[in-house]
């Protein structure tokens, strides 16, 4: 949800600017998107780990 809001803001800023934003803006977006993806992967790994622990407790 936050990532989508950031991308929406970037598109709105591009429209307001009237042309492509400076390269540093795209680089910042790319870096932020990488951080979001890393966060999502860490949450997936965390959930998988918790599910494994629960399964081991049941056995």
N, C-alpha and C. Protein backbone atom coordinates (compact mmCIF):
# COMPACT_ATOMS: atom_id res chain seq x y z
N UNK A 1 0.82 -1.17 0.00
CA UNK A 1 0.00 0.00 0.00
C UNK A 1 0.88 1.26 0.00
N UNK A 2 1.88 1.28 0.83
CA UNK A 2 2.78 2.44 0.86
C UNK A 2 3.55 2.55 -0.46
N UNK A 3 3.95 1.42 -0.99
CA UNK A 3 4.69 1.43 -2.25
C UNK A 3 3.81 1.98 -3.37
N UNK A 4 2.55 1.57 -3.39
CA UNK A 4 1.62 2.08 -4.40
C UNK A 4 1.42 3.59 -4.26
N UNK A 5 1.33 4.07 -3.04
CA UNK A 5 1.16 5.51 -2.80
C UNK A 5 2.39 6.28 -3.27
N UNK A 6 3.56 5.72 -3.04
CA UNK A 6 4.80 6.37 -3.49
C UNK A 6 4.83 6.45 -5.02
N UNK A 7 4.46 5.36 -5.67
CA UNK A 7 4.45 5.34 -7.14
C UNK A 7 3.42 6.30 -7.70
N UNK A 8 2.26 6.39 -7.04
CA UNK A 8 1.23 7.34 -7.48
C UNK A 8 1.75 8.77 -7.35
N UNK A 9 2.39 9.08 -6.24
CA UNK A 9 2.96 10.40 -6.04
C UNK A 9 4.02 10.74 -7.08
N UNK A 10 4.82 9.75 -7.42
CA UNK A 10 5.86 9.95 -8.44
C UNK A 10 5.21 10.29 -9.78
N UNK A 11 4.15 9.57 -10.13
CA UNK A 11 3.45 9.85 -11.39
C UNK A 11 2.82 11.24 -11.38
N UNK A 12 2.23 11.60 -10.24
CA UNK A 12 1.63 12.94 -10.13
C UNK A 12 2.70 14.03 -10.25
N UNK A 13 3.84 13.79 -9.62
CA UNK A 13 4.94 14.77 -9.69
C UNK A 13 5.45 14.90 -11.12
N UNK A 14 5.53 13.77 -11.81
CA UNK A 14 5.98 13.79 -13.20
C UNK A 14 5.01 14.62 -14.04
N UNK A 15 3.71 14.42 -13.81
CA UNK A 15 2.70 15.19 -14.54
C UNK A 15 2.79 16.68 -14.24
N UNK A 16 3.01 17.00 -12.99
CA UNK A 16 3.12 18.41 -12.60
C UNK A 16 4.38 19.05 -13.17
N UNK A 17 5.43 18.25 -13.27
CA UNK A 17 6.70 18.74 -13.80
C UNK A 17 6.57 19.03 -15.30
N UNK A 18 5.72 18.23 -15.95
CA UNK A 18 5.47 18.44 -17.37
C UNK A 18 6.38 17.64 -18.29
N UNK A 19 7.29 16.92 -17.73
CA UNK A 19 8.19 16.04 -18.50
C UNK A 19 8.82 15.07 -17.50
N UNK A 20 9.72 14.23 -17.97
CA UNK A 20 10.38 13.31 -17.06
C UNK A 20 11.09 14.07 -15.95
N UNK A 21 10.98 13.53 -14.75
CA UNK A 21 11.69 14.14 -13.63
C UNK A 21 13.20 13.92 -13.78
N UNK A 22 14.00 14.69 -13.09
CA UNK A 22 15.45 14.50 -13.14
C UNK A 22 15.83 13.06 -12.78
N UNK A 23 16.95 12.62 -13.30
CA UNK A 23 17.40 11.25 -13.13
C UNK A 23 17.49 10.85 -11.64
N UNK A 24 17.89 11.75 -10.79
CA UNK A 24 18.02 11.44 -9.36
C UNK A 24 16.68 11.00 -8.79
N UNK A 25 15.59 11.52 -9.31
CA UNK A 25 14.26 11.13 -8.82
C UNK A 25 13.97 9.67 -9.17
N UNK A 26 14.29 9.27 -10.39
CA UNK A 26 14.08 7.88 -10.79
C UNK A 26 15.00 6.95 -10.00
N UNK A 27 16.22 7.39 -9.75
CA UNK A 27 17.15 6.58 -8.97
C UNK A 27 16.64 6.40 -7.54
N UNK A 28 16.04 7.46 -7.00
CA UNK A 28 15.47 7.38 -5.66
C UNK A 28 14.29 6.41 -5.64
N UNK A 29 13.44 6.48 -6.65
CA UNK A 29 12.32 5.54 -6.75
C UNK A 29 12.82 4.10 -6.85
N UNK A 30 13.82 3.88 -7.67
CA UNK A 30 14.38 2.53 -7.82
C UNK A 30 14.92 2.01 -6.49
N UNK A 31 15.63 2.86 -5.77
CA UNK A 31 16.20 2.46 -4.48
C UNK A 31 15.08 2.16 -3.47
N UNK A 32 14.06 2.99 -3.45
CA UNK A 32 12.94 2.78 -2.53
C UNK A 32 12.20 1.48 -2.88
N UNK A 33 12.00 1.21 -4.16
CA UNK A 33 11.34 -0.03 -4.57
C UNK A 33 12.16 -1.26 -4.17
N UNK A 34 13.47 -1.17 -4.28
CA UNK A 34 14.33 -2.28 -3.84
C UNK A 34 14.15 -2.52 -2.34
N UNK A 35 14.07 -1.45 -1.56
CA UNK A 35 13.87 -1.58 -0.12
C UNK A 35 12.52 -2.21 0.20
N UNK A 36 11.49 -1.82 -0.53
CA UNK A 36 10.18 -2.44 -0.34
C UNK A 36 10.26 -3.93 -0.63
N UNK A 37 10.89 -4.30 -1.73
CA UNK A 37 11.00 -5.72 -2.10
C UNK A 37 11.78 -6.50 -1.05
N UNK A 38 12.84 -5.93 -0.53
CA UNK A 38 13.60 -6.59 0.53
C UNK A 38 12.73 -6.78 1.77
N UNK A 39 11.95 -5.78 2.09
CA UNK A 39 11.06 -5.86 3.24
C UNK A 39 10.03 -6.98 3.04
N UNK A 40 9.41 -7.02 1.86
CA UNK A 40 8.41 -8.06 1.58
C UNK A 40 9.03 -9.45 1.69
N UNK A 41 10.22 -9.62 1.16
CA UNK A 41 10.90 -10.92 1.24
C UNK A 41 11.21 -11.30 2.68
N UNK A 42 11.63 -10.33 3.49
CA UNK A 42 11.93 -10.63 4.89
C UNK A 42 10.67 -11.06 5.63
N UNK A 43 9.54 -10.45 5.30
CA UNK A 43 8.27 -10.83 5.94
C UNK A 43 7.86 -12.23 5.50
N UNK A 44 8.06 -12.58 4.22
CA UNK A 44 7.74 -13.92 3.74
C UNK A 44 8.60 -14.95 4.47
N UNK A 45 9.88 -14.66 4.62
CA UNK A 45 10.78 -15.58 5.30
C UNK A 45 10.39 -15.74 6.77
N UNK A 46 9.99 -14.64 7.37
CA UNK A 46 9.58 -14.66 8.78
C UNK A 46 8.33 -15.53 8.94
N UNK A 47 7.36 -15.37 8.04
CA UNK A 47 6.13 -16.15 8.11
C UNK A 47 6.41 -17.62 7.87
N UNK A 48 7.28 -17.93 6.93
CA UNK A 48 7.64 -19.33 6.65
C UNK A 48 8.30 -19.95 7.87
N UNK A 49 9.15 -19.20 8.52
CA UNK A 49 9.84 -19.69 9.70
C UNK A 49 8.85 -19.98 10.83
N UNK A 50 7.88 -19.09 11.01
CA UNK A 50 6.87 -19.29 12.05
C UNK A 50 6.00 -20.50 11.75
N UNK A 51 5.65 -20.71 10.48
CA UNK A 51 4.84 -21.86 10.11
C UNK A 51 5.61 -23.16 10.35
N UNK A 52 6.90 -23.16 10.05
CA UNK A 52 7.74 -24.33 10.28
C UNK A 52 7.79 -24.65 11.77
N UNK A 53 7.96 -23.63 12.59
CA UNK A 53 7.99 -23.83 14.04
C UNK A 53 6.68 -24.41 14.54
N UNK A 54 5.55 -23.90 14.02
CA UNK A 54 4.25 -24.40 14.45
C UNK A 54 4.07 -25.86 14.05
N UNK A 55 4.51 -26.22 12.86
CA UNK A 55 4.39 -27.58 12.37
C UNK A 55 5.23 -28.52 13.23
N UNK A 56 6.42 -28.10 13.60
CA UNK A 56 7.31 -28.92 14.43
C UNK A 56 6.73 -29.12 15.82
N UNK A 57 6.04 -28.13 16.36
CA UNK A 57 5.44 -28.25 17.68
C UNK A 57 4.31 -29.27 17.68
N UNK A 58 3.55 -29.33 16.59
CA UNK A 58 2.42 -30.24 16.48
C UNK A 58 2.91 -31.69 16.40
N UNK A 59 4.02 -31.91 15.76
CA UNK A 59 4.54 -33.27 15.57
C UNK A 59 5.14 -33.70 16.82
